[in-house]
Amino acid sequence: MVDDNNGSPVVQGTLVILDLDRFKEYTIQHELDDYKPNTVTGTLSRLVSALASKYSGSILHGLDWERGTEEAVLVYPGTDPAII
């Protein structure tokens, strides 16, 4: 742990942020259902879950098995960003 300028403890780590830009347009263009997992969002749900498990991370936001994942935020406290 390190201290910031105010003397507060800071835990170094890595954040991973994923977002599918303009995904609504993609679902319309390819006639995909955006209210249940489709080929893209279902695959992303599985990949986000696998990535979190592989490196002992935590999913802070976004994993949605019922609707499919369009965005996600994962955290890996105490890790070096070079290994993720």
N, C-alpha and C. Protein backbone atom coordinates (compact mmCIF):
# COMPACT_ATOMS: atom_id res chain seq x y z
N MET A 1 0.83 -1.17 0.00
CA MET A 1 0.00 0.00 0.00
C MET A 1 0.88 1.24 0.00
N VAL A 2 0.40 2.29 -0.62
CA VAL A 2 1.10 3.56 -0.66
C VAL A 2 0.20 4.63 -0.09
N ASP A 3 0.78 5.73 0.30
CA ASP A 3 -0.01 6.86 0.78
C ASP A 3 -0.12 7.90 -0.33
N ASP A 4 -1.31 8.49 -0.46
CA ASP A 4 -1.44 9.61 -1.39
C ASP A 4 -0.96 10.87 -0.69
N ASN A 5 -1.10 12.00 -1.30
CA ASN A 5 -0.61 13.27 -0.73
C ASN A 5 -1.30 13.64 0.57
N ASN A 6 -2.48 13.09 0.83
CA ASN A 6 -3.22 13.41 2.05
C ASN A 6 -2.95 12.41 3.17
N GLY A 7 -2.09 11.46 2.93
CA GLY A 7 -1.80 10.46 3.94
C GLY A 7 -2.78 9.30 3.96
N SER A 8 -3.71 9.27 3.02
CA SER A 8 -4.69 8.18 2.95
C SER A 8 -4.08 6.98 2.23
N PRO A 9 -4.42 5.77 2.67
CA PRO A 9 -3.87 4.59 2.00
C PRO A 9 -4.47 4.44 0.60
N VAL A 10 -3.64 4.05 -0.32
CA VAL A 10 -4.05 3.82 -1.71
C VAL A 10 -3.61 2.42 -2.09
N VAL A 11 -4.52 1.63 -2.61
CA VAL A 11 -4.19 0.28 -3.07
C VAL A 11 -3.96 0.35 -4.57
N GLN A 12 -2.78 -0.05 -4.98
CA GLN A 12 -2.51 -0.08 -6.41
C GLN A 12 -3.19 -1.29 -7.01
N GLY A 13 -3.58 -1.16 -8.25
CA GLY A 13 -4.23 -2.25 -8.94
C GLY A 13 -4.56 -1.87 -10.35
N THR A 14 -5.44 -2.63 -10.94
CA THR A 14 -5.81 -2.44 -12.33
C THR A 14 -7.32 -2.44 -12.48
N LEU A 15 -7.84 -1.49 -13.26
CA LEU A 15 -9.24 -1.47 -13.65
C LEU A 15 -9.32 -1.84 -15.13
N VAL A 16 -10.28 -2.67 -15.47
CA VAL A 16 -10.54 -3.01 -16.87
C VAL A 16 -11.96 -2.53 -17.17
N ILE A 17 -12.09 -1.67 -18.17
CA ILE A 17 -13.39 -1.11 -18.54
C ILE A 17 -13.69 -1.53 -19.98
N LEU A 18 -14.84 -2.17 -20.16
CA LEU A 18 -15.27 -2.64 -21.48
C LEU A 18 -16.60 -1.99 -21.83
N ASP A 19 -16.75 -1.58 -23.08
CA ASP A 19 -18.02 -1.01 -23.53
C ASP A 19 -18.17 -1.23 -25.03
N LEU A 20 -19.33 -1.70 -25.43
CA LEU A 20 -19.61 -1.87 -26.85
C LEU A 20 -20.23 -0.58 -27.37
N ASP A 21 -19.45 0.21 -28.10
CA ASP A 21 -19.94 1.47 -28.64
C ASP A 21 -20.96 1.24 -29.74
N ARG A 22 -21.98 2.08 -29.76
CA ARG A 22 -23.03 2.05 -30.78
C ARG A 22 -23.66 0.66 -30.94
N PHE A 23 -23.80 -0.05 -29.82
CA PHE A 23 -24.32 -1.41 -29.87
C PHE A 23 -25.80 -1.44 -30.25
N LYS A 24 -26.56 -0.44 -29.85
CA LYS A 24 -27.98 -0.38 -30.21
C LYS A 24 -28.13 -0.39 -31.73
N GLU A 25 -27.30 0.38 -32.43
CA GLU A 25 -27.34 0.39 -33.89
C GLU A 25 -27.02 -0.99 -34.46
N TYR A 26 -26.04 -1.65 -33.86
CA TYR A 26 -25.64 -2.98 -34.31
C TYR A 26 -26.78 -3.98 -34.15
N THR A 27 -27.48 -3.93 -33.00
CA THR A 27 -28.59 -4.87 -32.79
C THR A 27 -29.70 -4.66 -33.80
N ILE A 28 -29.97 -3.41 -34.13
CA ILE A 28 -31.01 -3.11 -35.13
C ILE A 28 -30.57 -3.60 -36.51
N GLN A 29 -29.34 -3.28 -36.89
CA GLN A 29 -28.82 -3.66 -38.20
C GLN A 29 -28.80 -5.18 -38.39
N HIS A 30 -28.47 -5.92 -37.34
CA HIS A 30 -28.36 -7.38 -37.45
C HIS A 30 -29.57 -8.11 -36.87
N GLU A 31 -30.63 -7.35 -36.57
CA GLU A 31 -31.89 -7.90 -36.07
C GLU A 31 -31.69 -8.80 -34.86
N LEU A 32 -30.92 -8.32 -33.89
CA LEU A 32 -30.69 -9.05 -32.65
C LEU A 32 -31.61 -8.52 -31.57
N ASP A 33 -32.03 -9.38 -30.67
CA ASP A 33 -32.85 -8.99 -29.53
C ASP A 33 -31.95 -8.36 -28.48
N ASP A 34 -32.24 -7.11 -28.10
CA ASP A 34 -31.38 -6.45 -27.11
C ASP A 34 -31.90 -6.60 -25.69
N TYR A 35 -32.96 -7.40 -25.49
CA TYR A 35 -33.50 -7.62 -24.15
C TYR A 35 -33.24 -9.02 -23.62
N LYS A 36 -32.48 -9.80 -24.35
CA LYS A 36 -32.04 -11.11 -23.88
C LYS A 36 -30.68 -11.37 -24.49
N PRO A 37 -29.90 -12.29 -23.94
CA PRO A 37 -28.57 -12.53 -24.49
C PRO A 37 -28.64 -12.92 -25.96
N ASN A 38 -27.83 -12.26 -26.76
CA ASN A 38 -27.70 -12.63 -28.17
C ASN A 38 -26.27 -13.12 -28.39
N THR A 39 -25.90 -13.37 -29.61
CA THR A 39 -24.58 -13.92 -29.89
C THR A 39 -23.46 -13.07 -29.30
N VAL A 40 -23.57 -11.77 -29.42
CA VAL A 40 -22.51 -10.87 -28.96
C VAL A 40 -22.54 -10.73 -27.44
N THR A 41 -23.68 -10.38 -26.88
CA THR A 41 -23.74 -10.10 -25.44
C THR A 41 -23.61 -11.38 -24.60
N GLY A 42 -24.08 -12.48 -25.12
CA GLY A 42 -23.90 -13.76 -24.42
C GLY A 42 -22.44 -14.16 -24.37
N THR A 43 -21.74 -13.99 -25.50
CA THR A 43 -20.31 -14.28 -25.55
C THR A 43 -19.54 -13.36 -24.62
N LEU A 44 -19.87 -12.06 -24.63
CA LEU A 44 -19.17 -11.12 -23.76
C LEU A 44 -19.41 -11.45 -22.29
N SER A 45 -20.60 -11.89 -21.94
CA SER A 45 -20.86 -12.30 -20.54
C SER A 45 -19.92 -13.43 -20.13
N ARG A 46 -19.78 -14.43 -20.98
CA ARG A 46 -18.90 -15.56 -20.68
C ARG A 46 -17.43 -15.12 -20.60
N LEU A 47 -17.01 -14.24 -21.52
CA LEU A 47 -15.62 -13.79 -21.54
C LEU A 47 -15.28 -12.92 -20.33
N VAL A 48 -16.19 -12.04 -19.94
CA VAL A 48 -15.96 -11.19 -18.77
C VAL A 48 -15.85 -12.05 -17.52
N SER A 49 -16.73 -13.01 -17.38
CA SER A 49 -16.70 -13.91 -16.23
C SER A 49 -15.39 -14.70 -16.21
N ALA A 50 -14.96 -15.19 -17.36
CA ALA A 50 -13.72 -15.97 -17.45
C ALA A 50 -12.50 -15.10 -17.12
N LEU A 51 -12.49 -13.86 -17.60
CA LEU A 51 -11.37 -12.97 -17.33
C LEU A 51 -11.27 -12.65 -15.84
N ALA A 52 -12.40 -12.40 -15.21
CA ALA A 52 -12.40 -12.13 -13.77
C ALA A 52 -11.88 -13.34 -13.01
N SER A 53 -12.32 -14.52 -13.38
CA SER A 53 -11.88 -15.75 -12.70
C SER A 53 -10.41 -16.05 -12.92
N LYS A 54 -9.95 -15.88 -14.14
CA LYS A 54 -8.58 -16.25 -14.49
C LYS A 54 -7.55 -15.48 -13.66
N TYR A 55 -7.81 -14.20 -13.42
CA TYR A 55 -6.84 -13.37 -12.70
C TYR A 55 -7.34 -12.93 -11.33
N SER A 56 -8.31 -13.63 -10.78
CA SER A 56 -8.85 -13.34 -9.44
C SER A 56 -9.33 -11.90 -9.30
N GLY A 57 -10.06 -11.43 -10.29
CA GLY A 57 -10.60 -10.08 -10.24
C GLY A 57 -12.02 -10.08 -9.73
N SER A 58 -12.54 -8.89 -9.54
CA SER A 58 -13.93 -8.71 -9.12
C SER A 58 -14.65 -7.90 -10.19
N ILE A 59 -15.89 -8.27 -10.45
CA ILE A 59 -16.71 -7.54 -11.41
C ILE A 59 -17.49 -6.49 -10.62
N LEU A 60 -17.19 -5.22 -10.90
CA LEU A 60 -17.85 -4.13 -10.19
C LEU A 60 -19.18 -3.75 -10.82
N HIS A 61 -19.27 -3.91 -12.13
CA HIS A 61 -20.47 -3.45 -12.84
C HIS A 61 -20.59 -4.17 -14.17
N GLY A 62 -21.80 -4.42 -14.59
CA GLY A 62 -22.08 -4.76 -15.96
C GLY A 62 -22.38 -6.19 -16.33
N LEU A 63 -21.90 -7.17 -15.59
CA LEU A 63 -22.17 -8.55 -15.98
C LEU A 63 -23.66 -8.83 -15.83
N ASP A 64 -24.31 -9.20 -16.94
CA ASP A 64 -25.76 -9.38 -16.93
C ASP A 64 -26.11 -10.66 -17.69
N TRP A 65 -26.32 -11.74 -16.93
CA TRP A 65 -26.63 -13.04 -17.55
C TRP A 65 -28.03 -13.06 -18.15
N GLU A 66 -28.97 -12.29 -17.61
CA GLU A 66 -30.35 -12.32 -18.10
C GLU A 66 -30.53 -11.55 -19.41
N ARG A 67 -29.82 -10.47 -19.57
CA ARG A 67 -29.98 -9.62 -20.74
C ARG A 67 -28.78 -9.69 -21.68
N GLY A 68 -27.65 -10.08 -21.16
CA GLY A 68 -26.41 -10.06 -21.93
C GLY A 68 -25.59 -8.85 -21.54
N THR A 69 -24.30 -8.97 -21.64
CA THR A 69 -23.40 -7.91 -21.19
C THR A 69 -23.01 -7.00 -22.34
N GLU A 70 -23.22 -5.69 -22.15
CA GLU A 70 -22.81 -4.69 -23.13
C GLU A 70 -21.63 -3.87 -22.62
N GLU A 71 -21.49 -3.79 -21.30
CA GLU A 71 -20.36 -3.09 -20.71
C GLU A 71 -20.02 -3.76 -19.39
N ALA A 72 -18.80 -3.55 -18.94
CA ALA A 72 -18.37 -4.15 -17.68
C ALA A 72 -17.19 -3.39 -17.11
N VAL A 73 -17.08 -3.43 -15.79
CA VAL A 73 -15.93 -2.85 -15.09
C VAL A 73 -15.42 -3.93 -14.14
N LEU A 74 -14.15 -4.28 -14.29
CA LEU A 74 -13.51 -5.27 -13.44
C LEU A 74 -12.37 -4.61 -12.69
N VAL A 75 -12.09 -5.09 -11.49
CA VAL A 75 -10.98 -4.56 -10.69
C VAL A 75 -10.09 -5.70 -10.24
N TYR A 76 -8.79 -5.43 -10.28
CA TYR A 76 -7.77 -6.37 -9.83
C TYR A 76 -6.88 -5.64 -8.82
N PRO A 77 -7.26 -5.63 -7.54
CA PRO A 77 -6.46 -4.92 -6.56
C PRO A 77 -5.08 -5.57 -6.38
N GLY A 78 -4.09 -4.71 -6.20
CA GLY A 78 -2.75 -5.20 -5.92
C GLY A 78 -2.04 -5.83 -7.10
N THR A 79 -2.51 -5.59 -8.31
CA THR A 79 -1.87 -6.21 -9.47
C THR A 79 -1.06 -5.20 -10.26
N ASP A 80 -0.13 -5.71 -11.00
CA ASP A 80 0.65 -4.91 -11.94
C ASP A 80 -0.12 -4.93 -13.26
N PRO A 81 -0.45 -3.77 -13.83
CA PRO A 81 -1.21 -3.75 -15.09
C PRO A 81 -0.55 -4.54 -16.21
N ALA A 82 0.73 -4.74 -16.16
CA ALA A 82 1.42 -5.45 -17.22
C ALA A 82 1.06 -6.93 -17.30
N ILE A 83 0.52 -7.52 -16.20
CA ILE A 83 0.21 -8.95 -16.23
C ILE A 83 -1.22 -9.25 -16.65
N ILE A 84 -2.07 -8.26 -16.74
CA ILE A 84 -3.47 -8.50 -17.11
C ILE A 84 -3.61 -8.48 -18.61
